[in-house]
N, C-alpha and C. Protein backbone atom coordinates (compact mmCIF):
# COMPACT_ATOMS: atom_id res chain seq x y z
N MET A 1 63.95 177.88 62.06
CA MET A 1 63.49 176.68 62.76
C MET A 1 62.42 175.99 61.90
N SER A 2 62.43 174.71 61.90
CA SER A 2 61.51 173.92 61.10
C SER A 2 60.24 173.61 61.89
N ASP A 3 59.12 173.45 61.16
CA ASP A 3 57.86 173.05 61.79
C ASP A 3 57.82 171.55 62.03
N ARG A 4 58.79 170.84 61.51
CA ARG A 4 58.84 169.39 61.61
C ARG A 4 59.33 168.96 62.99
N PRO A 5 58.60 168.03 63.64
CA PRO A 5 59.11 167.52 64.92
C PRO A 5 60.41 166.73 64.72
N ASP A 6 61.20 166.65 65.75
CA ASP A 6 62.49 165.98 65.66
C ASP A 6 62.40 164.51 65.28
N ASP A 7 61.30 163.85 65.61
CA ASP A 7 61.19 162.42 65.35
C ASP A 7 60.63 162.10 63.97
N THR A 8 60.37 163.11 63.14
CA THR A 8 59.87 162.87 61.79
C THR A 8 60.99 162.31 60.92
N PRO A 9 60.72 161.21 60.22
CA PRO A 9 61.77 160.64 59.36
C PRO A 9 62.12 161.60 58.22
N ALA A 10 63.35 161.53 57.81
CA ALA A 10 63.82 162.36 56.70
C ALA A 10 63.13 161.90 55.42
N PRO A 11 62.93 162.80 54.47
CA PRO A 11 62.33 162.40 53.19
C PRO A 11 63.15 161.32 52.50
N ARG A 12 62.48 160.44 51.79
CA ARG A 12 63.17 159.37 51.07
C ARG A 12 63.66 159.88 49.73
N ASP A 13 64.75 159.31 49.27
CA ASP A 13 65.21 159.66 47.93
C ASP A 13 64.55 158.71 46.92
N ALA A 14 64.77 158.96 45.65
CA ALA A 14 64.11 158.20 44.59
C ALA A 14 64.42 156.71 44.67
N ASP A 15 65.65 156.36 44.98
CA ASP A 15 66.00 154.94 45.06
C ASP A 15 65.24 154.24 46.19
N GLU A 16 65.12 154.90 47.33
CA GLU A 16 64.39 154.30 48.45
C GLU A 16 62.91 154.14 48.10
N LEU A 17 62.34 155.13 47.43
CA LEU A 17 60.93 155.03 47.05
C LEU A 17 60.70 153.92 46.03
N ASN A 18 61.61 153.79 45.06
CA ASN A 18 61.49 152.70 44.07
C ASN A 18 61.55 151.35 44.75
N GLU A 19 62.43 151.20 45.70
CA GLU A 19 62.54 149.94 46.43
C GLU A 19 61.29 149.66 47.25
N ALA A 20 60.73 150.71 47.83
CA ALA A 20 59.54 150.55 48.67
C ALA A 20 58.33 150.07 47.87
N VAL A 21 58.23 150.47 46.61
CA VAL A 21 57.07 150.07 45.80
C VAL A 21 57.36 148.91 44.87
N SER A 22 58.57 148.38 44.89
CA SER A 22 58.94 147.33 43.96
C SER A 22 58.09 146.08 44.11
N ASP A 23 57.57 145.81 45.30
CA ASP A 23 56.75 144.61 45.49
C ASP A 23 55.32 144.78 44.96
N LEU A 24 54.97 145.98 44.48
CA LEU A 24 53.63 146.22 43.97
C LEU A 24 53.46 145.82 42.51
N GLY A 25 54.56 145.62 41.81
CA GLY A 25 54.48 145.23 40.40
C GLY A 25 55.76 145.58 39.67
N GLU A 26 55.87 145.06 38.46
CA GLU A 26 57.08 145.27 37.68
C GLU A 26 57.09 146.60 36.95
N THR A 27 55.93 147.06 36.51
CA THR A 27 55.88 148.31 35.75
C THR A 27 55.15 149.38 36.57
N ASP A 28 55.31 150.63 36.13
CA ASP A 28 54.59 151.72 36.80
C ASP A 28 53.09 151.51 36.74
N THR A 29 52.60 151.01 35.60
CA THR A 29 51.17 150.75 35.46
C THR A 29 50.71 149.70 36.44
N ASP A 30 51.47 148.63 36.60
CA ASP A 30 51.13 147.58 37.57
C ASP A 30 51.08 148.16 38.98
N ARG A 31 52.04 149.01 39.30
CA ARG A 31 52.10 149.61 40.63
C ARG A 31 50.91 150.52 40.88
N LEU A 32 50.57 151.33 39.86
CA LEU A 32 49.42 152.22 40.01
C LEU A 32 48.13 151.43 40.20
N GLU A 33 47.97 150.34 39.47
CA GLU A 33 46.77 149.51 39.61
C GLU A 33 46.72 148.86 40.99
N ALA A 34 47.86 148.45 41.52
CA ALA A 34 47.89 147.87 42.87
C ALA A 34 47.48 148.89 43.90
N VAL A 35 47.97 150.11 43.75
CA VAL A 35 47.61 151.18 44.69
C VAL A 35 46.12 151.50 44.56
N ARG A 36 45.62 151.55 43.32
CA ARG A 36 44.20 151.82 43.11
C ARG A 36 43.34 150.76 43.80
N GLY A 37 43.74 149.51 43.68
CA GLY A 37 42.99 148.43 44.32
C GLY A 37 43.01 148.54 45.84
N ARG A 38 44.14 148.92 46.37
CA ARG A 38 44.22 149.10 47.83
C ARG A 38 43.36 150.27 48.28
N ASN A 39 43.35 151.35 47.51
CA ASN A 39 42.52 152.50 47.85
C ASN A 39 41.04 152.14 47.81
N GLU A 40 40.63 151.39 46.79
CA GLU A 40 39.24 150.97 46.69
C GLU A 40 38.86 150.10 47.88
N SER A 41 39.76 149.23 48.31
CA SER A 41 39.51 148.39 49.46
C SER A 41 39.31 149.24 50.72
N LEU A 42 40.13 150.27 50.87
CA LEU A 42 39.99 151.15 52.02
C LEU A 42 38.67 151.91 51.97
N GLU A 43 38.28 152.39 50.79
CA GLU A 43 37.03 153.12 50.66
C GLU A 43 35.83 152.25 51.03
N GLU A 44 35.89 150.97 50.68
CA GLU A 44 34.80 150.06 51.01
C GLU A 44 34.65 149.88 52.52
N ARG A 45 35.75 150.04 53.23
CA ARG A 45 35.71 149.82 54.68
C ARG A 45 35.46 151.10 55.48
N LEU A 46 35.38 152.25 54.80
CA LEU A 46 35.10 153.49 55.50
C LEU A 46 33.67 153.48 56.02
N PRO A 47 33.44 154.07 57.18
CA PRO A 47 32.06 154.13 57.68
C PRO A 47 31.22 155.07 56.81
N GLY A 48 29.95 154.75 56.67
CA GLY A 48 29.04 155.61 55.92
C GLY A 48 28.59 156.78 56.78
N ASP A 49 27.89 157.72 56.17
CA ASP A 49 27.42 158.90 56.90
C ASP A 49 26.57 158.52 58.10
N GLU A 50 25.78 157.47 57.96
CA GLU A 50 24.90 157.06 59.07
C GLU A 50 25.69 156.49 60.25
N GLN A 51 26.94 156.13 60.03
CA GLN A 51 27.76 155.56 61.10
C GLN A 51 28.68 156.59 61.75
N LEU A 52 28.72 157.80 61.19
CA LEU A 52 29.60 158.83 61.73
C LEU A 52 28.84 159.70 62.72
N PRO A 53 29.54 160.24 63.71
CA PRO A 53 28.87 161.15 64.63
C PRO A 53 28.44 162.41 63.90
N ARG A 54 27.41 163.03 64.38
CA ARG A 54 26.92 164.26 63.76
C ARG A 54 27.96 165.35 63.94
N THR A 55 28.35 166.00 62.85
CA THR A 55 29.39 167.01 62.94
C THR A 55 28.90 168.39 62.50
N HIS A 56 27.66 168.50 62.08
CA HIS A 56 27.14 169.79 61.68
C HIS A 56 25.65 169.87 61.99
N GLY A 57 25.10 171.07 61.95
CA GLY A 57 23.70 171.26 62.23
C GLY A 57 23.45 171.28 63.74
N SER A 58 22.21 171.34 64.10
CA SER A 58 21.86 171.39 65.52
C SER A 58 21.93 170.00 66.13
N PRO A 59 22.41 169.90 67.35
CA PRO A 59 22.49 168.57 67.99
C PRO A 59 21.10 168.01 68.28
N GLU A 60 21.03 166.70 68.22
CA GLU A 60 19.76 166.05 68.54
C GLU A 60 19.49 166.19 70.03
N LYS A 61 18.24 166.46 70.37
CA LYS A 61 17.87 166.57 71.78
C LYS A 61 17.14 165.30 72.19
N GLY A 62 17.54 164.79 73.33
CA GLY A 62 16.94 163.54 73.72
C GLY A 62 16.46 163.47 75.10
């Protein structure tokens, strides 16, 4: 039995993956740079430590 739920999509083959990234650029380098730029954009929008709930140490008492 598989650990995968029934509604999980099947893995994509190489042709499907190439088609999925084709709009990112003509060459592999262009595609990697596009992905890098998107990742940097996401990192800029992540909340900082001061915006996250406390997840370690003793809880603040108020």
